[in-house]
Amino acid sequence: FVFEKVGASQKAAAPYTGPTNLVGTWKATSGSTTVDGSEVNIDLALMGIEMFFVFKADQTIVATANGQTESGTYDFDGKEITVTSDGETTSMALKFLSADKFSIYEAGSGANIVFERQ
């Protein structure tokens, strides 16, 4: 017989182990930016902004923002994501907030966007 304790907690999600952790469709749910040294929260839905990232196991990415789609490749080292599209490379800090949520931060613009797995 196997007995389980009622209400026993589940094990914590495993930490990042490789780029397949990103595989799937992610939707931007909130954002913020820095204006004159102050952080300003942005309600993406109120602004009419829809943004999705689709990460594939072969390290290709398809990004869609307000109907405009771009594709490229990505590399993730556990702290920073580097995306190459149309010969241009962009690097951003990426931090997992949970197994189904991450944020990216772009130092040049001061933008921070939170994505949730769909």
PDB file of N, CA and C in Angstrom:
ATOM      1  N   PHE A   1       0.834  -1.183   0.000  1.00  0.00           N
ATOM      2  CA  PHE A   1       0.000   0.000   0.000  1.00  0.00           C
ATOM      3  C   PHE A   1       0.879   1.246   0.000  1.00  0.00           C
ATOM      4  N   VAL A   2       0.383   2.288  -0.683  1.00  0.00           N
ATOM      5  CA  VAL A   2       1.077   3.572  -0.686  1.00  0.00           C
ATOM      6  C   VAL A   2       0.135   4.592  -0.086  1.00  0.00           C
ATOM      7  N   PHE A   3       0.594   5.257   0.931  1.00  0.00           N
ATOM      8  CA  PHE A   3      -0.220   6.284   1.580  1.00  0.00           C
ATOM      9  C   PHE A   3       0.361   7.653   1.236  1.00  0.00           C
ATOM     10  N   GLU A   4      -0.509   8.582   0.909  1.00  0.00           N
ATOM     11  CA  GLU A   4      -0.073   9.942   0.646  1.00  0.00           C
ATOM     12  C   GLU A   4      -0.686  10.856   1.676  1.00  0.00           C
ATOM     13  N   LYS A   5       0.105  11.770   2.153  1.00  0.00           N
ATOM     14  CA  LYS A   5      -0.376  12.734   3.128  1.00  0.00           C
ATOM     15  C   LYS A   5      -1.289  13.732   2.423  1.00  0.00           C
ATOM     16  N   VAL A   6      -2.488  13.897   2.929  1.00  0.00           N
ATOM     17  CA  VAL A   6      -3.427  14.843   2.341  1.00  0.00           C
ATOM     18  C   VAL A   6      -2.864  16.239   2.487  1.00  0.00           C
ATOM     19  N   GLY A   7      -2.876  16.984   1.370  1.00  0.00           N
ATOM     20  CA  GLY A   7      -2.387  18.359   1.389  1.00  0.00           C
ATOM     21  C   GLY A   7      -0.873  18.466   1.329  1.00  0.00           C
ATOM     22  N   ALA A   8      -0.185  17.368   1.032  1.00  0.00           N
ATOM     23  CA  ALA A   8       1.273  17.424   0.950  1.00  0.00           C
ATOM     24  C   ALA A   8       1.680  18.343  -0.192  1.00  0.00           C
ATOM     25  N   SER A   9       2.709  19.128   0.026  1.00  0.00           N
ATOM     26  CA  SER A   9       3.134  20.084  -0.998  1.00  0.00           C
ATOM     27  C   SER A   9       3.854  19.371  -2.135  1.00  0.00           C
ATOM     28  N   GLN A  10       3.754  19.954  -3.316  1.00  0.00           N
ATOM     29  CA  GLN A  10       4.436  19.431  -4.484  1.00  0.00           C
ATOM     30  C   GLN A  10       5.880  19.912  -4.464  1.00  0.00           C
ATOM     31  N   LYS A  11       6.760  19.175  -5.121  1.00  0.00           N
ATOM     32  CA  LYS A  11       8.152  19.595  -5.222  1.00  0.00           C
ATOM     33  C   LYS A  11       8.218  20.882  -6.039  1.00  0.00           C
ATOM     34  N   ALA A  12       9.180  21.719  -5.736  1.00  0.00           N
ATOM     35  CA  ALA A  12       9.378  22.972  -6.474  1.00  0.00           C
ATOM     36  C   ALA A  12       9.781  22.648  -7.903  1.00  0.00           C
ATOM     37  N   ALA A  13       9.440  23.536  -8.814  1.00  0.00           N
ATOM     38  CA  ALA A  13       9.792  23.353 -10.224  1.00  0.00           C
ATOM     39  C   ALA A  13      11.312  23.289 -10.365  1.00  0.00           C
ATOM     40  N   ALA A  14      11.767  22.442 -11.282  1.00  0.00           N
ATOM     41  CA  ALA A  14      13.201  22.304 -11.517  1.00  0.00           C
ATOM     42  C   ALA A  14      13.755  23.604 -12.077  1.00  0.00           C
ATOM     43  N   PRO A  15      14.985  23.957 -11.725  1.00  0.00           N
ATOM     44  CA  PRO A  15      15.582  25.180 -12.272  1.00  0.00           C
ATOM     45  C   PRO A  15      15.870  25.020 -13.756  1.00  0.00           C
ATOM     46  N   TYR A  16      16.185  26.114 -14.400  1.00  0.00           N
ATOM     47  CA  TYR A  16      16.506  26.134 -15.816  1.00  0.00           C
ATOM     48  C   TYR A  16      17.575  25.095 -16.135  1.00  0.00           C
ATOM     49  N   THR A  17      17.336  24.298 -17.185  1.00  0.00           N
ATOM     50  CA  THR A  17      18.305  23.271 -17.568  1.00  0.00           C
ATOM     51  C   THR A  17      18.728  23.359 -19.022  1.00  0.00           C
ATOM     52  N   GLY A  18      18.121  24.212 -19.810  1.00  0.00           N
ATOM     53  CA  GLY A  18      18.503  24.338 -21.211  1.00  0.00           C
ATOM     54  C   GLY A  18      17.470  25.112 -21.991  1.00  0.00           C
ATOM     55  N   PRO A  19      17.754  25.405 -23.252  1.00  0.00           N
ATOM     56  CA  PRO A  19      16.852  26.243 -24.041  1.00  0.00           C
ATOM     57  C   PRO A  19      15.465  25.644 -24.260  1.00  0.00           C
ATOM     58  N   THR A  20      15.288  24.333 -24.083  1.00  0.00           N
ATOM     59  CA  THR A  20      13.957  23.762 -24.286  1.00  0.00           C
ATOM     60  C   THR A  20      12.981  24.242 -23.218  1.00  0.00           C
ATOM     61  N   ASN A  21      13.493  24.824 -22.124  1.00  0.00           N
ATOM     62  CA  ASN A  21      12.635  25.384 -21.096  1.00  0.00           C
ATOM     63  C   ASN A  21      11.760  26.504 -21.665  1.00  0.00           C
ATOM     64  N   LEU A  22      12.207  27.133 -22.719  1.00  0.00           N
ATOM     65  CA  LEU A  22      11.472  28.223 -23.351  1.00  0.00           C
ATOM     66  C   LEU A  22      10.490  27.737 -24.410  1.00  0.00           C
ATOM     67  N   VAL A  23      10.613  26.500 -24.860  1.00  0.00           N
ATOM     68  CA  VAL A  23       9.810  26.006 -25.970  1.00  0.00           C
ATOM     69  C   VAL A  23       8.328  26.173 -25.663  1.00  0.00           C
ATOM     70  N   GLY A  24       7.618  26.780 -26.605  1.00  0.00           N
ATOM     71  CA  GLY A  24       6.193  26.998 -26.453  1.00  0.00           C
ATOM     72  C   GLY A  24       5.805  28.408 -26.850  1.00  0.00           C
ATOM     73  N   THR A  25       4.556  28.742 -26.586  1.00  0.00           N
ATOM     74  CA  THR A  25       4.012  30.060 -26.909  1.00  0.00           C
ATOM     75  C   THR A  25       3.880  30.868 -25.629  1.00  0.00           C
ATOM     76  N   TRP A  26       4.368  32.090 -25.668  1.00  0.00           N
ATOM     77  CA  TRP A  26       4.358  32.987 -24.515  1.00  0.00           C
ATOM     78  C   TRP A  26       3.689  34.298 -24.910  1.00  0.00           C
ATOM     79  N   LYS A  27       2.833  34.832 -24.044  1.00  0.00           N
ATOM     80  CA  LYS A  27       2.138  36.093 -24.316  1.00  0.00           C
ATOM     81  C   LYS A  27       2.590  37.149 -23.311  1.00  0.00           C
ATOM     82  N   ALA A  28       2.862  38.356 -23.825  1.00  0.00           N
ATOM     83  CA  ALA A  28       3.202  39.475 -22.947  1.00  0.00           C
ATOM     84  C   ALA A  28       1.966  39.852 -22.150  1.00  0.00           C
ATOM     85  N   THR A  29       2.111  39.932 -20.830  1.00  0.00           N
ATOM     86  CA  THR A  29       0.960  40.223 -19.980  1.00  0.00           C
ATOM     87  C   THR A  29       1.072  41.566 -19.274  1.00  0.00           C
ATOM     88  N   SER A  30       2.289  42.053 -19.066  1.00  0.00           N
ATOM     89  CA  SER A  30       2.453  43.359 -18.425  1.00  0.00           C
ATOM     90  C   SER A  30       3.818  43.909 -18.789  1.00  0.00           C
ATOM     91  N   GLY A  31       4.020  45.167 -18.486  1.00  0.00           N
ATOM     92  CA  GLY A  31       5.301  45.769 -18.804  1.00  0.00           C
ATOM     93  C   GLY A  31       5.552  47.009 -17.981  1.00  0.00           C
ATOM     94  N   SER A  32       6.793  47.481 -18.056  1.00  0.00           N
ATOM     95  CA  SER A  32       7.166  48.731 -17.413  1.00  0.00           C
ATOM     96  C   SER A  32       8.336  49.314 -18.180  1.00  0.00           C
ATOM     97  N   THR A  33       8.569  50.585 -17.988  1.00  0.00           N
ATOM     98  CA  THR A  33       9.701  51.247 -18.604  1.00  0.00           C
ATOM     99  C   THR A  33      10.177  52.335 -17.663  1.00  0.00           C
ATOM    100  N   THR A  34      11.343  52.866 -17.923  1.00  0.00           N
ATOM    101  CA  THR A  34      11.891  53.928 -17.090  1.00  0.00           C
ATOM    102  C   THR A  34      11.754  55.256 -17.825  1.00  0.00           C
ATOM    103  N   VAL A  35      11.109  56.221 -17.173  1.00  0.00           N
ATOM    104  CA  VAL A  35      10.930  57.553 -17.739  1.00  0.00           C
ATOM    105  C   VAL A  35      11.470  58.554 -16.728  1.00  0.00           C
ATOM    106  N   ASP A  36      12.453  59.349 -17.146  1.00  0.00           N
ATOM    107  CA  ASP A  36      13.073  60.339 -16.261  1.00  0.00           C
ATOM    108  C   ASP A  36      13.501  59.736 -14.922  1.00  0.00           C
ATOM    109  N   GLY A  37      14.064  58.534 -14.966  1.00  0.00           N
ATOM    110  CA  GLY A  37      14.557  57.878 -13.772  1.00  0.00           C
ATOM    111  C   GLY A  37      13.515  57.172 -12.925  1.00  0.00           C
ATOM    112  N   SER A  38      12.238  57.249 -13.317  1.00  0.00           N
ATOM    113  CA  SER A  38      11.167  56.596 -12.557  1.00  0.00           C
ATOM    114  C   SER A  38      10.576  55.455 -13.367  1.00  0.00           C
ATOM    115  N   GLU A  39      10.212  54.362 -12.670  1.00  0.00           N
ATOM    116  CA  GLU A  39       9.587  53.231 -13.346  1.00  0.00           C
ATOM    117  C   GLU A  39       8.109  53.525 -13.581  1.00  0.00           C
ATOM    118  N   VAL A  40       7.657  53.306 -14.812  1.00  0.00           N
ATOM    119  CA  VAL A  40       6.264  53.529 -15.188  1.00  0.00           C
ATOM    120  C   VAL A  40       5.684  52.197 -15.626  1.00  0.00           C
ATOM    121  N   ASN A  41       4.603  51.742 -14.972  1.00  0.00           N
ATOM    122  CA  ASN A  41       3.940  50.494 -15.356  1.00  0.00           C
ATOM    123  C   ASN A  41       3.078  50.725 -16.584  1.00  0.00           C
ATOM    124  N   ILE A  42       3.052  49.723 -17.445  1.00  0.00           N
ATOM    125  CA  ILE A  42       2.306  49.809 -18.696  1.00  0.00           C
ATOM    126  C   ILE A  42       1.288  48.685 -18.721  1.00  0.00           C
ATOM    127  N   ASP A  43       0.026  49.027 -18.909  1.00  0.00           N
ATOM    128  CA  ASP A  43      -1.019  48.017 -19.079  1.00  0.00           C
ATOM    129  C   ASP A  43      -1.115  47.740 -20.577  1.00  0.00           C
ATOM    130  N   LEU A  44      -0.520  46.630 -21.007  1.00  0.00           N
ATOM    131  CA  LEU A  44      -0.443  46.318 -22.433  1.00  0.00           C
ATOM    132  C   LEU A  44      -1.826  46.183 -23.062  1.00  0.00           C
ATOM    133  N   ALA A  45      -2.778  45.595 -22.320  1.00  0.00           N
ATOM    134  CA  ALA A  45      -4.127  45.416 -22.859  1.00  0.00           C
ATOM    135  C   ALA A  45      -4.801  46.764 -23.103  1.00  0.00           C
ATOM    136  N   LEU A  46      -4.663  47.704 -22.151  1.00  0.00           N
ATOM    137  CA  LEU A  46      -5.274  49.029 -22.320  1.00  0.00           C
ATOM    138  C   LEU A  46      -4.658  49.783 -23.483  1.00  0.00           C
ATOM    139  N   MET A  47      -3.377  49.533 -23.740  1.00  0.00           N
ATOM    140  CA  MET A  47      -2.700  50.201 -24.847  1.00  0.00           C
ATOM    141  C   MET A  47      -2.957  49.494 -26.176  1.00  0.00           C
ATOM    142  N   GLY A  48      -3.674  48.375 -26.128  1.00  0.00           N
ATOM    143  CA  GLY A  48      -3.967  47.634 -27.353  1.00  0.00           C
ATOM    144  C   GLY A  48      -2.776  46.878 -27.905  1.00  0.00           C
ATOM    145  N   ILE A  49      -1.817  46.556 -27.057  1.00  0.00           N
ATOM    146  CA  ILE A  49      -0.612  45.843 -27.501  1.00  0.00           C
ATOM    147  C   ILE A  49      -0.779  44.353 -27.250  1.00  0.00           C
ATOM    148  N   GLU A  50      -0.642  43.568 -28.303  1.00  0.00           N
ATOM    149  CA  GLU A  50      -0.624  42.109 -28.191  1.00  0.00           C
ATOM    150  C   GLU A  50       0.720  41.639 -28.694  1.00  0.00           C
ATOM    151  N   MET A  51       1.453  40.911 -27.842  1.00  0.00           N
ATOM    152  CA  MET A  51       2.771  40.441 -28.208  1.00  0.00           C
ATOM    153  C   MET A  51       2.922  38.982 -27.797  1.00  0.00           C
ATOM    154  N   PHE A  52       3.384  38.160 -28.735  1.00  0.00           N
ATOM    155  CA  PHE A  52       3.603  36.739 -28.488  1.00  0.00           C
ATOM    156  C   PHE A  52       4.995  36.354 -28.956  1.00  0.00           C
ATOM    157  N   PHE A  53       5.627  35.445 -28.223  1.00  0.00           N
ATOM    158  CA  PHE A  53       6.860  34.794 -28.657  1.00  0.00           C
ATOM    159  C   PHE A  53       6.556  33.315 -28.773  1.00  0.00           C
ATOM    160  N   VAL A  54       6.987  32.691 -29.869  1.00  0.00           N
ATOM    161  CA  VAL A  54       6.905  31.241 -30.014  1.00  0.00           C
ATOM    162  C   VAL A  54       8.339  30.733 -30.144  1.00  0.00           C
ATOM    163  N   PHE A  55       8.783  30.012 -29.111  1.00  0.00           N
ATOM    164  CA  PHE A  55      10.122  29.433 -29.093  1.00  0.00           C
ATOM    165  C   PHE A  55      10.020  27.979 -29.525  1.00  0.00           C
ATOM    166  N   LYS A  56      10.868  27.576 -30.461  1.00  0.00           N
ATOM    167  CA  LYS A  56      10.867  26.203 -30.949  1.00  0.00           C
ATOM    168  C   LYS A  56      12.125  25.486 -30.484  1.00  0.00           C
ATOM    169  N   ALA A  57      12.057  24.164 -30.406  1.00  0.00           N
ATOM    170  CA  ALA A  57      13.165  23.347 -29.912  1.00  0.00           C
ATOM    171  C   ALA A  57      14.418  23.483 -30.770  1.00  0.00           C
ATOM    172  N   ASP A  58      14.268  23.833 -32.055  1.00  0.00           N
ATOM    173  CA  ASP A  58      15.438  23.996 -32.922  1.00  0.00           C
ATOM    174  C   ASP A  58      16.075  25.377 -32.774  1.00  0.00           C
ATOM    175  N   GLN A  59      15.694  26.104 -31.723  1.00  0.00           N
ATOM    176  CA  GLN A  59      16.187  27.432 -31.375  1.00  0.00           C
ATOM    177  C   GLN A  59      15.822  28.501 -32.398  1.00  0.00           C
ATOM    178  N   THR A  60      14.674  28.313 -33.051  1.00  0.00           N
ATOM    179  CA  THR A  60      14.110  29.387 -33.851  1.00  0.00           C
ATOM    180  C   THR A  60      13.008  30.050 -33.034  1.00  0.00           C
ATOM    181  N   ILE A  61      12.735  31.299 -33.354  1.00  0.00           N
ATOM    182  CA  ILE A  61      11.727  32.073 -32.639  1.00  0.00           C
ATOM    183  C   ILE A  61      10.875  32.828 -33.650  1.00  0.00           C
ATOM    184  N   VAL A  62       9.589  32.924 -33.347  1.00  0.00           N
ATOM    185  CA  VAL A  62       8.664  33.738 -34.125  1.00  0.00           C
ATOM    186  C   VAL A  62       8.053  34.734 -33.141  1.00  0.00           C
ATOM    187  N   ALA A  63       8.235  36.013 -33.408  1.00  0.00           N
ATOM    188  CA  ALA A  63       7.703  37.060 -32.544  1.00  0.00           C
ATOM    189  C   ALA A  63       6.610  37.804 -33.297  1.00  0.00           C
ATOM    190  N   THR A  64       5.464  37.988 -32.638  1.00  0.00           N
ATOM    191  CA  THR A  64       4.347  38.707 -33.234  1.00  0.00           C
ATOM    192  C   THR A  64       3.947  39.837 -32.297  1.00  0.00           C
ATOM    193  N   ALA A  65       3.905  41.047 -32.838  1.00  0.00           N
ATOM    194  CA  ALA A  65       3.473  42.208 -32.067  1.00  0.00           C
ATOM    195  C   ALA A  65       2.485  42.991 -32.925  1.00  0.00           C
ATOM    196  N   ASN A  66       1.235  43.061 -32.453  1.00  0.00           N
ATOM    197  CA  ASN A  66       0.176  43.788 -33.153  1.00  0.00           C
ATOM    198  C   ASN A  66       0.079  43.412 -34.629  1.00  0.00           C
ATOM    199  N   GLY A  67       0.136  42.118 -34.899  1.00  0.00           N
ATOM    200  CA  GLY A  67      -0.041  41.624 -36.256  1.00  0.00           C
ATOM    201  C   GLY A  67       1.218  41.582 -37.095  1.00  0.00           C
ATOM    202  N   GLN A  68       2.295  42.189 -36.652  1.00  0.00           N
ATOM    203  CA  GLN A  68       3.569  42.155 -37.376  1.00  0.00           C
ATOM    204  C   GLN A  68       4.373  40.965 -36.867  1.00  0.00           C
ATOM    205  N   THR A  69       4.844  40.120 -37.796  1.00  0.00           N
ATOM    206  CA  THR A  69       5.567  38.911 -37.407  1.00  0.00           C
ATOM    207  C   THR A  69       6.999  38.963 -37.919  1.00  0.00           C
ATOM    208  N   GLU A  70       7.916  38.581 -37.040  1.00  0.00           N
ATOM    209  CA  GLU A  70       9.325  38.442 -37.399  1.00  0.00           C
ATOM    210  C   GLU A  70       9.800  37.089 -36.913  1.00  0.00           C
ATOM    211  N   SER A  71      10.764  36.529 -37.613  1.00  0.00           N
ATOM    212  CA  SER A  71      11.320  35.255 -37.169  1.00  0.00           C
ATOM    213  C   SER A  71      12.835  35.363 -37.140  1.00  0.00           C
ATOM    214  N   GLY A  72      13.441  34.469 -36.391  1.00  0.00           N
ATOM    215  CA  GLY A  72      14.889  34.464 -36.277  1.00  0.00           C
ATOM    216  C   GLY A  72      15.336  33.288 -35.452  1.00  0.00           C
ATOM    217  N   THR A  73      16.496  33.421 -34.844  1.00  0.00           N
ATOM    218  CA  THR A  73      17.043  32.378 -33.990  1.00  0.00           C
ATOM    219  C   THR A  73      17.313  32.978 -32.610  1.00  0.00           C
ATOM    220  N   TYR A  74      17.399  32.102 -31.611  1.00  0.00           N
ATOM    221  CA  TYR A  74      17.692  32.573 -30.264  1.00  0.00           C
ATOM    222  C   TYR A  74      18.698  31.666 -29.586  1.00  0.00           C
ATOM    223  N   ASP A  75      19.383  32.242 -28.614  1.00  0.00           N
ATOM    224  CA  ASP A  75      20.293  31.493 -27.763  1.00  0.00           C
ATOM    225  C   ASP A  75      20.058  31.999 -26.347  1.00  0.00           C
ATOM    226  N   PHE A  76      19.928  31.070 -25.398  1.00  0.00           N
ATOM    227  CA  PHE A  76      19.674  31.441 -24.016  1.00  0.00           C
ATOM    228  C   PHE A  76      20.687  30.743 -23.133  1.00  0.00           C
ATOM    229  N   ASP A  77      21.458  31.521 -22.372  1.00  0.00           N
ATOM    230  CA  ASP A  77      22.505  30.948 -21.523  1.00  0.00           C
ATOM    231  C   ASP A  77      22.091  30.818 -20.054  1.00  0.00           C
ATOM    232  N   GLY A  78      20.818  31.029 -19.778  1.00  0.00           N
ATOM    233  CA  GLY A  78      20.329  30.944 -18.411  1.00  0.00           C
ATOM    234  C   GLY A  78      20.120  32.295 -17.760  1.00  0.00           C
ATOM    235  N   LYS A  79      20.741  33.334 -18.318  1.00  0.00           N
ATOM    236  CA  LYS A  79      20.582  34.687 -17.796  1.00  0.00           C
ATOM    237  C   LYS A  79      20.223  35.694 -18.879  1.00  0.00           C
ATOM    238  N   GLU A  80      20.746  35.465 -20.069  1.00  0.00           N
ATOM    239  CA  GLU A  80      20.548  36.421 -21.148  1.00  0.00           C
ATOM    240  C   GLU A  80      20.079  35.696 -22.402  1.00  0.00           C
ATOM    241  N   ILE A  81      19.121  36.306 -23.101  1.00  0.00           N
ATOM    242  CA  ILE A  81      18.671  35.749 -24.368  1.00  0.00           C
ATOM    243  C   ILE A  81      19.193  36.639 -25.482  1.00  0.00           C
ATOM    244  N   THR A  82      19.714  36.001 -26.518  1.00  0.00           N
ATOM    245  CA  THR A  82      20.204  36.716 -27.685  1.00  0.00           C
ATOM    246  C   THR A  82      19.369  36.275 -28.875  1.00  0.00           C
ATOM    247  N   VAL A  83      18.737  37.248 -29.532  1.00  0.00           N
ATOM    248  CA  VAL A  83      17.878  36.971 -30.673  1.00  0.00           C
ATOM    249  C   VAL A  83      18.503  37.601 -31.916  1.00  0.00           C
ATOM    250  N   THR A  84      18.596  36.816 -32.994  1.00  0.00           N
ATOM    251  CA  THR A  84      19.102  37.313 -34.266  1.00  0.00           C
ATOM    252  C   THR A  84      17.996  37.214 -35.296  1.00  0.00           C
ATOM    253  N   SER A  85      17.684  38.365 -35.927  1.00  0.00           N
ATOM    254  CA  SER A  85      16.633  38.431 -36.942  1.00  0.00           C
ATOM    255  C   SER A  85      17.042  39.452 -37.990  1.00  0.00           C
ATOM    256  N   ASP A  86      16.932  39.078 -39.239  1.00  0.00           N
ATOM    257  CA  ASP A  86      17.308  39.966 -40.346  1.00  0.00           C
ATOM    258  C   ASP A  86      18.706  40.543 -40.186  1.00  0.00           C
ATOM    259  N   GLY A  87      19.637  39.732 -39.700  1.00  0.00           N
ATOM    260  CA  GLY A  87      21.024  40.152 -39.566  1.00  0.00           C
ATOM    261  C   GLY A  87      21.308  41.026 -38.360  1.00  0.00           C
ATOM    262  N   GLU A  88      20.295  41.362 -37.568  1.00  0.00           N
ATOM    263  CA  GLU A  88      20.494  42.178 -36.372  1.00  0.00           C
ATOM    264  C   GLU A  88      20.401  41.295 -35.129  1.00  0.00           C
ATOM    265  N   THR A  89      21.285  41.535 -34.177  1.00  0.00           N
ATOM    266  CA  THR A  89      21.310  40.762 -32.943  1.00  0.00           C
ATOM    267  C   THR A  89      20.959  41.664 -31.768  1.00  0.00           C
ATOM    268  N   THR A  90      20.056  41.186 -30.915  1.00  0.00           N
ATOM    269  CA  THR A  90      19.641  41.910 -29.720  1.00  0.00           C
ATOM    270  C   THR A  90      19.786  40.977 -28.520  1.00  0.00           C
ATOM    271  N   SER A  91      20.385  41.483 -27.461  1.00  0.00           N
ATOM    272  CA  SER A  91      20.521  40.706 -26.227  1.00  0.00           C
ATOM    273  C   SER A  91      19.731  41.382 -25.116  1.00  0.00           C
ATOM    274  N   MET A  92      19.033  40.559 -24.330  1.00  0.00           N
ATOM    275  CA  MET A  92      18.230  41.063 -23.219  1.00  0.00           C
ATOM    276  C   MET A  92      18.385  40.118 -22.036  1.00  0.00           C
ATOM    277  N   ALA A  93      18.310  40.668 -20.828  1.00  0.00           N
ATOM    278  CA  ALA A  93      18.303  39.835 -19.630  1.00  0.00           C
ATOM    279  C   ALA A  93      16.963  39.115 -19.569  1.00  0.00           C
ATOM    280  N   LEU A  94      16.983  37.810 -19.269  1.00  0.00           N
ATOM    281  CA  LEU A  94      15.762  37.026 -19.142  1.00  0.00           C
ATOM    282  C   LEU A  94      15.801  36.329 -17.796  1.00  0.00           C
ATOM    283  N   LYS A  95      14.715  36.477 -17.047  1.00  0.00           N
ATOM    284  CA  LYS A  95      14.644  35.880 -15.718  1.00  0.00           C
ATOM    285  C   LYS A  95      13.336  35.120 -15.581  1.00  0.00           C
ATOM    286  N   PHE A  96      13.427  33.827 -15.210  1.00  0.00           N
ATOM    287  CA  PHE A  96      12.220  33.058 -14.948  1.00  0.00           C
ATOM    288  C   PHE A  96      11.657  33.473 -13.601  1.00  0.00           C
ATOM    289  N   LEU A  97      10.373  33.840 -13.582  1.00  0.00           N
ATOM    290  CA  LEU A  97       9.678  34.192 -12.352  1.00  0.00           C
ATOM    291  C   LEU A  97       8.982  32.965 -11.780  1.00  0.00           C
ATOM    292  N   SER A  98       8.639  32.024 -12.653  1.00  0.00           N
ATOM    293  CA  SER A  98       8.082  30.719 -12.295  1.00  0.00           C
ATOM    294  C   SER A  98       8.265  29.846 -13.528  1.00  0.00           C
ATOM    295  N   ALA A  99       7.793  28.613 -13.470  1.00  0.00           N
ATOM    296  CA  ALA A  99       7.935  27.714 -14.615  1.00  0.00           C
ATOM    297  C   ALA A  99       7.169  28.225 -15.830  1.00  0.00           C
ATOM    298  N   ASP A 100       6.127  29.015 -15.600  1.00  0.00           N
ATOM    299  CA  ASP A 100       5.282  29.492 -16.697  1.00  0.00           C
ATOM    300  C   ASP A 100       5.277  31.003 -16.835  1.00  0.00           C
ATOM    301  N   LYS A 101       6.315  31.664 -16.319  1.00  0.00           N
ATOM    302  CA  LYS A 101       6.366  33.122 -16.404  1.00  0.00           C
ATOM    303  C   LYS A 101       7.820  33.572 -16.418  1.00  0.00           C
ATOM    304  N   PHE A 102       8.163  34.490 -17.333  1.00  0.00           N
ATOM    305  CA  PHE A 102       9.491  35.085 -17.331  1.00  0.00           C
ATOM    306  C   PHE A 102       9.386  36.561 -17.662  1.00  0.00           C
ATOM    307  N   SER A 103      10.447  37.293 -17.343  1.00  0.00           N
ATOM    308  CA  SER A 103      10.518  38.697 -17.717  1.00  0.00           C
ATOM    309  C   SER A 103      11.782  38.917 -18.522  1.00  0.00           C
ATOM    310  N   ILE A 104      11.705  39.871 -19.449  1.00  0.00           N
ATOM    311  CA  ILE A 104      12.884  40.281 -20.195  1.00  0.00           C
ATOM    312  C   ILE A 104      13.112  41.755 -19.921  1.00  0.00           C
ATOM    313  N   TYR A 105      14.381  42.141 -19.887  1.00  0.00           N
ATOM    314  CA  TYR A 105      14.744  43.527 -19.642  1.00  0.00           C
ATOM    315  C   TYR A 105      15.722  43.958 -20.713  1.00  0.00           C
ATOM    316  N   GLU A 106      15.403  45.059 -21.378  1.00  0.00           N
ATOM    317  CA  GLU A 106      16.277  45.606 -22.411  1.00  0.00           C
ATOM    318  C   GLU A 106      16.896  46.880 -21.865  1.00  0.00           C
ATOM    319  N   ALA A 107      18.189  46.825 -21.591  1.00  0.00           N
ATOM    320  CA  ALA A 107      18.881  47.941 -20.950  1.00  0.00           C
ATOM    321  C   ALA A 107      18.785  49.240 -21.761  1.00  0.00           C
ATOM    322  N   GLY A 108      18.883  49.148 -23.071  1.00  0.00           N
ATOM    323  CA  GLY A 108      18.874  50.347 -23.904  1.00  0.00           C
ATOM    324  C   GLY A 108      17.610  51.176 -23.782  1.00  0.00           C
ATOM    325  N   SER A 109      16.451  50.510 -23.672  1.00  0.00           N
ATOM    326  CA  SER A 109      15.185  51.218 -23.589  1.00  0.00           C
ATOM    327  C   SER A 109      14.638  51.309 -22.174  1.00  0.00           C
ATOM    328  N   GLY A 110      15.197  50.500 -21.273  1.00  0.00           N
ATOM    329  CA  GLY A 110      14.678  50.444 -19.907  1.00  0.00           C
ATOM    330  C   GLY A 110      13.376  49.684 -19.812  1.00  0.00           C
ATOM    331  N   ALA A 111      12.995  48.976 -20.886  1.00  0.00           N
ATOM    332  CA  ALA A 111      11.730  48.243 -20.922  1.00  0.00           C
ATOM    333  C   ALA A 111      11.865  46.893 -20.247  1.00  0.00           C
ATOM    334  N   ASN A 112      10.866  46.539 -19.459  1.00  0.00           N
ATOM    335  CA  ASN A 112      10.774  45.244 -18.799  1.00  0.00           C
ATOM    336  C   ASN A 112       9.404  44.676 -19.156  1.00  0.00           C
ATOM    337  N   ILE A 113       9.359  43.487 -19.747  1.00  0.00           N
ATOM    338  CA  ILE A 113       8.084  42.895 -20.160  1.00  0.00           C
ATOM    339  C   ILE A 113       7.970  41.509 -19.555  1.00  0.00           C
ATOM    340  N   VAL A 114       6.799  41.202 -18.993  1.00  0.00           N
ATOM    341  CA  VAL A 114       6.524  39.902 -18.389  1.00  0.00           C
ATOM    342  C   VAL A 114       5.699  39.074 -19.369  1.00  0.00           C
ATOM    343  N   PHE A 115       6.142  37.825 -19.595  1.00  0.00           N
ATOM    344  CA  PHE A 115       5.463  36.891 -20.492  1.00  0.00           C
ATOM    345  C   PHE A 115       4.976  35.698 -19.697  1.00  0.00           C
ATOM    346  N   GLU A 116       3.808  35.183 -20.090  1.00  0.00           N
ATOM    347  CA  GLU A 116       3.261  33.975 -19.471  1.00  0.00           C
ATOM    348  C   GLU A 116       3.028  32.917 -20.535  1.00  0.00           C
ATOM    349  N   ARG A 117       3.303  31.658 -20.165  1.00  0.00           N
ATOM    350  CA  ARG A 117       3.127  30.528 -21.088  1.00  0.00           C
ATOM    351  C   ARG A 117       1.654  30.381 -21.432  1.00  0.00           C
ATOM    352  N   GLN A 118       1.373  30.140 -22.692  1.00  0.00           N
ATOM    353  CA  GLN A 118       0.001  29.964 -23.168  1.00  0.00           C
ATOM    354  C   GLN A 118      -0.299  28.501 -23.395  1.00  0.00           C
TER     355      GLN A 118
END
